[in-house]
Amino acid sequence: MCRGRRSLDNFPREMVKLKKKLAENLQFVLQKVLPGLNKIRGDNKNDLVMKMSLILNLFIGKSLFETLEVSSYLWVTDYNEERMNAKDLSKLCLEMAESDCANIVACLEAEGNLSAYEEWMLNRTKSLAQELDSVAKTVYCQESSLTELRND
């Protein structure tokens, strides 16, 4: 389920959920390790801690990106298959656009020297934040309009 010409639509839903779970587990481990860096001792402690913090932040950003991409895919799929209502989808999309996208951007921009793939992730996250915001507003407005029409 790496990047390429295949989309998440080409994989069974259970595999997509597993990808999300693996990314979340990685985030959990990295967030436990990061605070422990302050306990490193030695002459080059500050340099080592700084380098390791940047590396871990980059990995956290990457795992957050995977979670964001898979979660948004699953939510939209659930909505399209009528397993989620418009209000819930809108709320999740807005929260993700405002919070998680900002965290991913912060993690990736802290690195400074990004690979081409990491640069793509950064740009994709910024555009995904706008897309999620747009989806949330569009879906919620459409649902509200339909509800008003049904009540008339």
N, C-alpha and C. Protein backbone atom coordinates (compact mmCIF):
# COMPACT_ATOMS: atom_id res chain seq x y z
N MET A 1 0.83 -1.18 0.00
CA MET A 1 0.00 0.00 0.00
C MET A 1 0.88 1.25 0.00
N CYS A 2 2.01 1.12 -0.64
CA CYS A 2 2.90 2.25 -0.78
C CYS A 2 2.39 3.17 -1.87
N ARG A 3 3.05 4.28 -2.02
CA ARG A 3 2.66 5.24 -3.06
C ARG A 3 2.85 4.62 -4.44
N GLY A 4 2.07 5.05 -5.36
CA GLY A 4 2.17 4.54 -6.72
C GLY A 4 0.91 4.84 -7.47
N ARG A 5 0.66 4.07 -8.45
CA ARG A 5 -0.52 4.32 -9.30
C ARG A 5 -1.80 3.74 -8.72
N ARG A 6 -1.68 2.91 -7.70
CA ARG A 6 -2.86 2.31 -7.10
C ARG A 6 -3.37 3.20 -5.97
N SER A 7 -4.67 3.31 -5.86
CA SER A 7 -5.24 4.10 -4.77
C SER A 7 -5.72 3.16 -3.67
N LEU A 8 -6.16 3.75 -2.58
CA LEU A 8 -6.67 2.94 -1.47
C LEU A 8 -7.91 2.15 -1.88
N ASP A 9 -8.58 2.59 -2.93
CA ASP A 9 -9.75 1.86 -3.44
C ASP A 9 -9.39 0.45 -3.91
N ASN A 10 -8.11 0.25 -4.27
CA ASN A 10 -7.67 -1.05 -4.79
C ASN A 10 -7.39 -2.07 -3.69
N PHE A 11 -7.54 -1.69 -2.44
CA PHE A 11 -7.22 -2.59 -1.34
C PHE A 11 -8.47 -2.88 -0.51
N PRO A 12 -8.53 -4.06 0.07
CA PRO A 12 -9.67 -4.38 0.95
C PRO A 12 -9.71 -3.41 2.13
N ARG A 13 -10.89 -3.10 2.57
CA ARG A 13 -11.09 -2.15 3.67
C ARG A 13 -10.30 -2.55 4.92
N GLU A 14 -10.23 -3.84 5.20
CA GLU A 14 -9.50 -4.31 6.39
C GLU A 14 -8.01 -3.98 6.30
N MET A 15 -7.44 -4.05 5.10
CA MET A 15 -6.03 -3.69 4.93
C MET A 15 -5.82 -2.19 5.13
N VAL A 16 -6.76 -1.39 4.68
CA VAL A 16 -6.67 0.06 4.86
C VAL A 16 -6.76 0.40 6.35
N LYS A 17 -7.67 -0.28 7.05
CA LYS A 17 -7.77 -0.07 8.51
C LYS A 17 -6.49 -0.50 9.22
N LEU A 18 -5.88 -1.58 8.75
CA LEU A 18 -4.62 -2.05 9.34
C LEU A 18 -3.52 -1.01 9.13
N LYS A 19 -3.47 -0.42 7.96
CA LYS A 19 -2.47 0.62 7.68
C LYS A 19 -2.65 1.77 8.67
N LYS A 20 -3.89 2.17 8.91
CA LYS A 20 -4.17 3.24 9.87
C LYS A 20 -3.70 2.85 11.26
N LYS A 21 -4.01 1.63 11.67
CA LYS A 21 -3.63 1.15 13.01
C LYS A 21 -2.11 1.11 13.17
N LEU A 22 -1.40 0.67 12.15
CA LEU A 22 0.07 0.63 12.21
C LEU A 22 0.65 2.03 12.35
N ALA A 23 0.11 2.98 11.60
CA ALA A 23 0.59 4.37 11.71
C ALA A 23 0.31 4.94 13.09
N GLU A 24 -0.87 4.64 13.65
CA GLU A 24 -1.20 5.11 14.99
C GLU A 24 -0.29 4.48 16.04
N ASN A 25 0.02 3.19 15.89
CA ASN A 25 0.93 2.52 16.83
C ASN A 25 2.33 3.14 16.76
N LEU A 26 2.79 3.45 15.56
CA LEU A 26 4.10 4.09 15.41
C LEU A 26 4.12 5.45 16.10
N GLN A 27 3.05 6.23 15.92
CA GLN A 27 2.96 7.53 16.60
C GLN A 27 3.04 7.36 18.11
N PHE A 28 2.33 6.39 18.63
CA PHE A 28 2.31 6.15 20.07
C PHE A 28 3.73 5.87 20.59
N VAL A 29 4.46 5.01 19.90
CA VAL A 29 5.82 4.67 20.32
C VAL A 29 6.74 5.89 20.24
N LEU A 30 6.67 6.61 19.13
CA LEU A 30 7.54 7.77 18.95
C LEU A 30 7.26 8.86 19.99
N GLN A 31 5.99 9.05 20.32
CA GLN A 31 5.66 10.06 21.32
C GLN A 31 6.09 9.66 22.72
N LYS A 32 6.29 8.37 22.95
CA LYS A 32 6.83 7.90 24.23
C LYS A 32 8.35 8.07 24.27
N VAL A 33 9.00 7.89 23.13
CA VAL A 33 10.46 7.97 23.06
C VAL A 33 10.94 9.42 23.13
N LEU A 34 10.25 10.32 22.47
CA LEU A 34 10.70 11.72 22.35
C LEU A 34 10.97 12.38 23.70
N PRO A 35 10.08 12.28 24.69
CA PRO A 35 10.38 12.92 25.98
C PRO A 35 11.60 12.31 26.69
N GLY A 36 11.88 11.05 26.43
CA GLY A 36 13.02 10.39 27.06
C GLY A 36 14.37 10.88 26.57
N LEU A 37 14.40 11.61 25.49
CA LEU A 37 15.67 12.13 24.98
C LEU A 37 16.34 13.10 25.95
N ASN A 38 15.57 13.73 26.79
CA ASN A 38 16.14 14.66 27.77
C ASN A 38 17.01 13.95 28.80
N LYS A 39 16.91 12.64 28.88
CA LYS A 39 17.67 11.88 29.88
C LYS A 39 19.02 11.41 29.36
N ILE A 40 19.34 11.74 28.10
CA ILE A 40 20.63 11.34 27.52
C ILE A 40 21.74 12.12 28.22
N ARG A 41 22.83 11.43 28.52
CA ARG A 41 23.98 12.05 29.20
C ARG A 41 25.20 12.02 28.28
N GLY A 42 26.12 12.92 28.53
CA GLY A 42 27.37 12.91 27.77
C GLY A 42 27.77 14.29 27.30
N ASP A 43 28.97 14.37 26.71
CA ASP A 43 29.52 15.65 26.27
C ASP A 43 28.74 16.26 25.11
N ASN A 44 28.32 15.44 24.18
CA ASN A 44 27.61 15.94 23.00
C ASN A 44 26.10 15.81 23.15
N LYS A 45 25.65 15.84 24.38
CA LYS A 45 24.23 15.60 24.67
C LYS A 45 23.32 16.52 23.86
N ASN A 46 23.56 17.81 23.87
CA ASN A 46 22.65 18.75 23.22
C ASN A 46 22.57 18.52 21.71
N ASP A 47 23.71 18.27 21.07
CA ASP A 47 23.71 18.00 19.63
C ASP A 47 22.96 16.70 19.32
N LEU A 48 23.23 15.69 20.11
CA LEU A 48 22.59 14.39 19.90
C LEU A 48 21.08 14.48 20.11
N VAL A 49 20.68 15.15 21.18
CA VAL A 49 19.25 15.29 21.47
C VAL A 49 18.56 16.07 20.35
N MET A 50 19.21 17.12 19.87
CA MET A 50 18.62 17.93 18.80
C MET A 50 18.44 17.10 17.53
N LYS A 51 19.47 16.36 17.15
CA LYS A 51 19.39 15.55 15.94
C LYS A 51 18.34 14.45 16.07
N MET A 52 18.32 13.78 17.22
CA MET A 52 17.34 12.72 17.42
C MET A 52 15.93 13.27 17.48
N SER A 53 15.75 14.43 18.08
CA SER A 53 14.43 15.05 18.14
C SER A 53 13.91 15.38 16.76
N LEU A 54 14.79 15.91 15.90
CA LEU A 54 14.38 16.23 14.53
C LEU A 54 13.99 14.96 13.76
N ILE A 55 14.78 13.92 13.94
CA ILE A 55 14.48 12.65 13.25
C ILE A 55 13.15 12.08 13.74
N LEU A 56 12.95 12.07 15.05
CA LEU A 56 11.70 11.53 15.60
C LEU A 56 10.52 12.39 15.18
N ASN A 57 10.70 13.71 15.17
CA ASN A 57 9.62 14.60 14.72
C ASN A 57 9.25 14.30 13.28
N LEU A 58 10.25 14.04 12.45
CA LEU A 58 10.01 13.72 11.05
C LEU A 58 9.20 12.42 10.94
N PHE A 59 9.59 11.41 11.73
CA PHE A 59 8.84 10.14 11.72
C PHE A 59 7.41 10.33 12.24
N ILE A 60 7.25 11.17 13.26
CA ILE A 60 5.91 11.46 13.77
C ILE A 60 5.08 12.14 12.68
N GLY A 61 5.68 13.11 12.00
CA GLY A 61 4.99 13.79 10.91
C GLY A 61 4.56 12.83 9.81
N LYS A 62 5.46 11.90 9.47
CA LYS A 62 5.14 10.92 8.42
C LYS A 62 4.01 9.99 8.86
N SER A 63 4.06 9.53 10.09
CA SER A 63 3.00 8.62 10.55
C SER A 63 1.67 9.36 10.70
N LEU A 64 1.72 10.64 11.12
CA LEU A 64 0.50 11.45 11.17
C LEU A 64 -0.09 11.63 9.77
N PHE A 65 0.80 11.81 8.80
CA PHE A 65 0.35 11.96 7.41
C PHE A 65 -0.38 10.71 6.94
N GLU A 66 0.20 9.55 7.21
CA GLU A 66 -0.45 8.29 6.81
C GLU A 66 -1.80 8.15 7.48
N THR A 67 -1.87 8.49 8.76
CA THR A 67 -3.14 8.41 9.49
C THR A 67 -4.16 9.37 8.89
N LEU A 68 -3.72 10.58 8.60
CA LEU A 68 -4.60 11.59 8.01
C LEU A 68 -5.16 11.11 6.68
N GLU A 69 -4.29 10.63 5.83
CA GLU A 69 -4.72 10.21 4.50
C GLU A 69 -5.69 9.03 4.56
N VAL A 70 -5.36 8.04 5.37
CA VAL A 70 -6.21 6.85 5.47
C VAL A 70 -7.53 7.19 6.18
N SER A 71 -7.46 7.98 7.24
CA SER A 71 -8.69 8.34 7.97
C SER A 71 -9.65 9.11 7.08
N SER A 72 -9.13 10.09 6.35
CA SER A 72 -10.01 10.87 5.49
C SER A 72 -10.63 9.99 4.41
N TYR A 73 -9.86 9.06 3.88
CA TYR A 73 -10.39 8.11 2.89
C TYR A 73 -11.52 7.28 3.51
N LEU A 74 -11.28 6.73 4.70
CA LEU A 74 -12.29 5.89 5.35
C LEU A 74 -13.55 6.69 5.68
N TRP A 75 -13.40 7.93 6.14
CA TRP A 75 -14.57 8.74 6.48
C TRP A 75 -15.42 9.04 5.26
N VAL A 76 -14.76 9.46 4.19
CA VAL A 76 -15.51 9.78 2.97
C VAL A 76 -16.20 8.52 2.42
N THR A 77 -15.50 7.40 2.48
CA THR A 77 -16.10 6.13 2.04
C THR A 77 -17.30 5.79 2.90
N ASP A 78 -17.16 5.93 4.22
CA ASP A 78 -18.29 5.67 5.12
C ASP A 78 -19.48 6.59 4.81
N TYR A 79 -19.19 7.85 4.56
CA TYR A 79 -20.26 8.80 4.23
C TYR A 79 -20.94 8.41 2.92
N ASN A 80 -20.14 8.10 1.91
CA ASN A 80 -20.71 7.73 0.61
C ASN A 80 -21.52 6.44 0.67
N GLU A 81 -21.15 5.55 1.59
CA GLU A 81 -21.88 4.29 1.76
C GLU A 81 -22.93 4.39 2.87
N GLU A 82 -23.20 5.62 3.29
CA GLU A 82 -24.23 5.93 4.29
C GLU A 82 -24.00 5.25 5.64
N ARG A 83 -22.73 5.09 6.01
CA ARG A 83 -22.40 4.58 7.34
C ARG A 83 -22.03 5.73 8.29
N MET A 84 -22.00 6.95 7.76
CA MET A 84 -21.69 8.13 8.56
C MET A 84 -22.57 9.28 8.07
N ASN A 85 -23.06 10.09 9.00
CA ASN A 85 -23.89 11.21 8.59
C ASN A 85 -23.03 12.44 8.28
N ALA A 86 -23.65 13.42 7.67
CA ALA A 86 -22.94 14.62 7.21
C ALA A 86 -22.35 15.42 8.36
N LYS A 87 -23.09 15.51 9.46
CA LYS A 87 -22.60 16.30 10.60
C LYS A 87 -21.32 15.68 11.17
N ASP A 88 -21.30 14.36 11.34
CA ASP A 88 -20.11 13.68 11.86
C ASP A 88 -18.92 13.81 10.90
N LEU A 89 -19.18 13.63 9.61
CA LEU A 89 -18.12 13.78 8.63
C LEU A 89 -17.56 15.20 8.66
N SER A 90 -18.44 16.18 8.69
CA SER A 90 -18.01 17.58 8.72
C SER A 90 -17.15 17.87 9.95
N LYS A 91 -17.60 17.39 11.09
CA LYS A 91 -16.85 17.63 12.33
C LYS A 91 -15.46 16.99 12.28
N LEU A 92 -15.39 15.73 11.84
CA LEU A 92 -14.10 15.04 11.75
C LEU A 92 -13.17 15.73 10.75
N CYS A 93 -13.70 16.12 9.61
CA CYS A 93 -12.88 16.78 8.59
C CYS A 93 -12.34 18.11 9.10
N LEU A 94 -13.18 18.90 9.77
CA LEU A 94 -12.73 20.18 10.30
C LEU A 94 -11.66 20.00 11.37
N GLU A 95 -11.87 19.04 12.28
CA GLU A 95 -10.88 18.78 13.32
C GLU A 95 -9.55 18.35 12.71
N MET A 96 -9.61 17.48 11.73
CA MET A 96 -8.40 16.99 11.08
C MET A 96 -7.71 18.12 10.33
N ALA A 97 -8.47 18.94 9.64
CA ALA A 97 -7.90 20.04 8.87
C ALA A 97 -7.20 21.05 9.77
N GLU A 98 -7.81 21.32 10.92
CA GLU A 98 -7.28 22.35 11.80
C GLU A 98 -6.15 21.84 12.69
N SER A 99 -6.27 20.65 13.19
CA SER A 99 -5.32 20.15 14.18
C SER A 99 -4.21 19.29 13.58
N ASP A 100 -4.59 18.17 13.01
CA ASP A 100 -3.59 17.21 12.53
C ASP A 100 -2.76 17.75 11.38
N CYS A 101 -3.39 18.47 10.47
CA CYS A 101 -2.62 19.04 9.35
C CYS A 101 -1.57 20.02 9.87
N ALA A 102 -1.95 20.83 10.84
CA ALA A 102 -0.99 21.79 11.42
C ALA A 102 0.16 21.06 12.09
N ASN A 103 -0.13 19.95 12.77
CA ASN A 103 0.93 19.17 13.42
C ASN A 103 1.88 18.55 12.40
N ILE A 104 1.33 18.04 11.31
CA ILE A 104 2.16 17.44 10.27
C ILE A 104 3.07 18.49 9.66
N VAL A 105 2.50 19.64 9.33
CA VAL A 105 3.29 20.72 8.74
C VAL A 105 4.41 21.14 9.70
N ALA A 106 4.09 21.27 10.98
CA ALA A 106 5.10 21.67 11.97
C ALA A 106 6.22 20.63 12.06
N CYS A 107 5.86 19.35 12.07
CA CYS A 107 6.88 18.29 12.15
C CYS A 107 7.78 18.29 10.92
N LEU A 108 7.19 18.43 9.75
CA LEU A 108 7.99 18.38 8.53
C LEU A 108 8.81 19.65 8.34
N GLU A 109 8.24 20.80 8.65
CA GLU A 109 8.97 22.05 8.47
C GLU A 109 10.11 22.21 9.47
N ALA A 110 10.01 21.54 10.61
CA ALA A 110 11.09 21.60 11.61
C ALA A 110 12.37 20.97 11.08
N GLU A 111 12.21 19.99 10.19
CA GLU A 111 13.37 19.30 9.62
C GLU A 111 14.20 20.25 8.76
N GLY A 112 13.53 21.00 7.92
CA GLY A 112 14.24 21.97 7.08
C GLY A 112 14.80 21.39 5.79
N ASN A 113 15.49 20.27 5.86
CA ASN A 113 16.12 19.66 4.69
C ASN A 113 15.34 18.42 4.29
N LEU A 114 14.25 18.63 3.55
CA LEU A 114 13.34 17.53 3.23
C LEU A 114 13.72 16.86 1.92
N SER A 115 13.48 15.56 1.87
CA SER A 115 13.65 14.82 0.62
C SER A 115 12.49 15.21 -0.32
N ALA A 116 12.57 14.78 -1.56
CA ALA A 116 11.50 15.08 -2.52
C ALA A 116 10.17 14.49 -2.04
N TYR A 117 10.22 13.28 -1.48
CA TYR A 117 9.00 12.65 -0.99
C TYR A 117 8.44 13.42 0.21
N GLU A 118 9.30 13.84 1.12
CA GLU A 118 8.85 14.60 2.29
C GLU A 118 8.29 15.96 1.87
N GLU A 119 8.89 16.55 0.87
CA GLU A 119 8.38 17.82 0.32
C GLU A 119 6.99 17.60 -0.27
N TRP A 120 6.80 16.47 -0.98
CA TRP A 120 5.49 16.13 -1.53
C TRP A 120 4.48 15.98 -0.40
N MET A 121 4.89 15.29 0.69
CA MET A 121 4.00 15.10 1.84
C MET A 121 3.58 16.44 2.43
N LEU A 122 4.54 17.35 2.55
CA LEU A 122 4.26 18.68 3.11
C LEU A 122 3.24 19.41 2.24
N ASN A 123 3.48 19.43 0.95
CA ASN A 123 2.55 20.10 0.03
C ASN A 123 1.19 19.41 -0.01
N ARG A 124 1.19 18.08 0.01
CA ARG A 124 -0.05 17.31 0.02
C ARG A 124 -0.85 17.59 1.28
N THR A 125 -0.17 17.71 2.41
CA THR A 125 -0.85 18.00 3.68
C THR A 125 -1.52 19.36 3.62
N LYS A 126 -0.82 20.35 3.09
CA LYS A 126 -1.39 21.70 2.99
C LYS A 126 -2.62 21.69 2.09
N SER A 127 -2.55 20.99 0.97
CA SER A 127 -3.72 20.94 0.07
C SER A 127 -4.83 20.08 0.67
N LEU A 128 -4.46 19.03 1.39
CA LEU A 128 -5.47 18.18 2.03
C LEU A 128 -6.22 18.95 3.11
N ALA A 129 -5.53 19.83 3.82
CA ALA A 129 -6.20 20.66 4.83
C ALA A 129 -7.29 21.50 4.18
N GLN A 130 -6.99 22.08 3.03
CA GLN A 130 -7.98 22.87 2.31
C GLN A 130 -9.12 21.99 1.80
N GLU A 131 -8.77 20.81 1.29
CA GLU A 131 -9.80 19.89 0.79
C GLU A 131 -10.73 19.44 1.90
N LEU A 132 -10.16 19.09 3.06
CA LEU A 132 -10.98 18.64 4.20
C LEU A 132 -11.91 19.76 4.66
N ASP A 133 -11.38 20.97 4.72
CA ASP A 133 -12.19 22.12 5.11
C ASP A 133 -13.34 22.31 4.12
N SER A 134 -13.04 22.19 2.84
CA SER A 134 -14.05 22.35 1.79
C SER A 134 -15.10 21.24 1.85
N VAL A 135 -14.64 20.00 2.04
CA VAL A 135 -15.57 18.87 2.15
C VAL A 135 -16.50 19.08 3.34
N ALA A 136 -15.93 19.47 4.46
CA ALA A 136 -16.73 19.66 5.67
C ALA A 136 -17.82 20.70 5.44
N LYS A 137 -17.44 21.81 4.86
CA LYS A 137 -18.41 22.89 4.64
C LYS A 137 -19.44 22.51 3.59
N THR A 138 -19.00 21.89 2.50
CA THR A 138 -19.91 21.50 1.42
C THR A 138 -20.91 20.45 1.88
N VAL A 139 -20.41 19.41 2.52
CA VAL A 139 -21.28 18.32 2.97
C VAL A 139 -22.27 18.82 4.00
N TYR A 140 -21.81 19.61 4.95
CA TYR A 140 -22.70 20.10 6.00
C TYR A 140 -23.76 21.03 5.41
N CYS A 141 -23.34 21.91 4.50
CA CYS A 141 -24.30 22.83 3.88
C CYS A 141 -25.31 22.08 3.03
N GLN A 142 -24.86 21.09 2.28
CA GLN A 142 -25.78 20.30 1.45
C GLN A 142 -26.80 19.58 2.32
N GLU A 143 -26.31 18.98 3.40
CA GLU A 143 -27.20 18.23 4.28
C GLU A 143 -28.20 19.17 4.95
N SER A 144 -27.73 20.33 5.38
CA SER A 144 -28.63 21.31 6.01
C SER A 144 -29.68 21.77 5.03
N SER A 145 -29.27 22.03 3.79
CA SER A 145 -30.21 22.47 2.77
C SER A 145 -31.26 21.40 2.50
N LEU A 146 -30.80 20.15 2.39
CA LEU A 146 -31.72 19.05 2.13
C LEU A 146 -32.70 18.88 3.29
N THR A 147 -32.22 19.03 4.49
CA THR A 147 -33.07 18.89 5.66
C THR A 147 -34.13 19.99 5.67
N GLU A 148 -33.69 21.21 5.35
CA GLU A 148 -34.65 22.32 5.31
C GLU A 148 -35.71 22.08 4.24
N LEU A 149 -35.27 21.56 3.06
CA LEU A 149 -36.22 21.29 2.00
C LEU A 149 -37.22 20.19 2.40
N ARG A 150 -36.72 19.19 3.10
CA ARG A 150 -37.61 18.08 3.51
C ARG A 150 -38.64 18.55 4.52
N ASN A 151 -38.27 19.52 5.35
CA ASN A 151 -39.20 20.01 6.37
C ASN A 151 -40.27 20.93 5.82
N ASP A 152 -40.04 21.46 4.61
CA ASP A 152 -41.02 22.38 4.00
C ASP A 152 -42.19 21.67 3.40
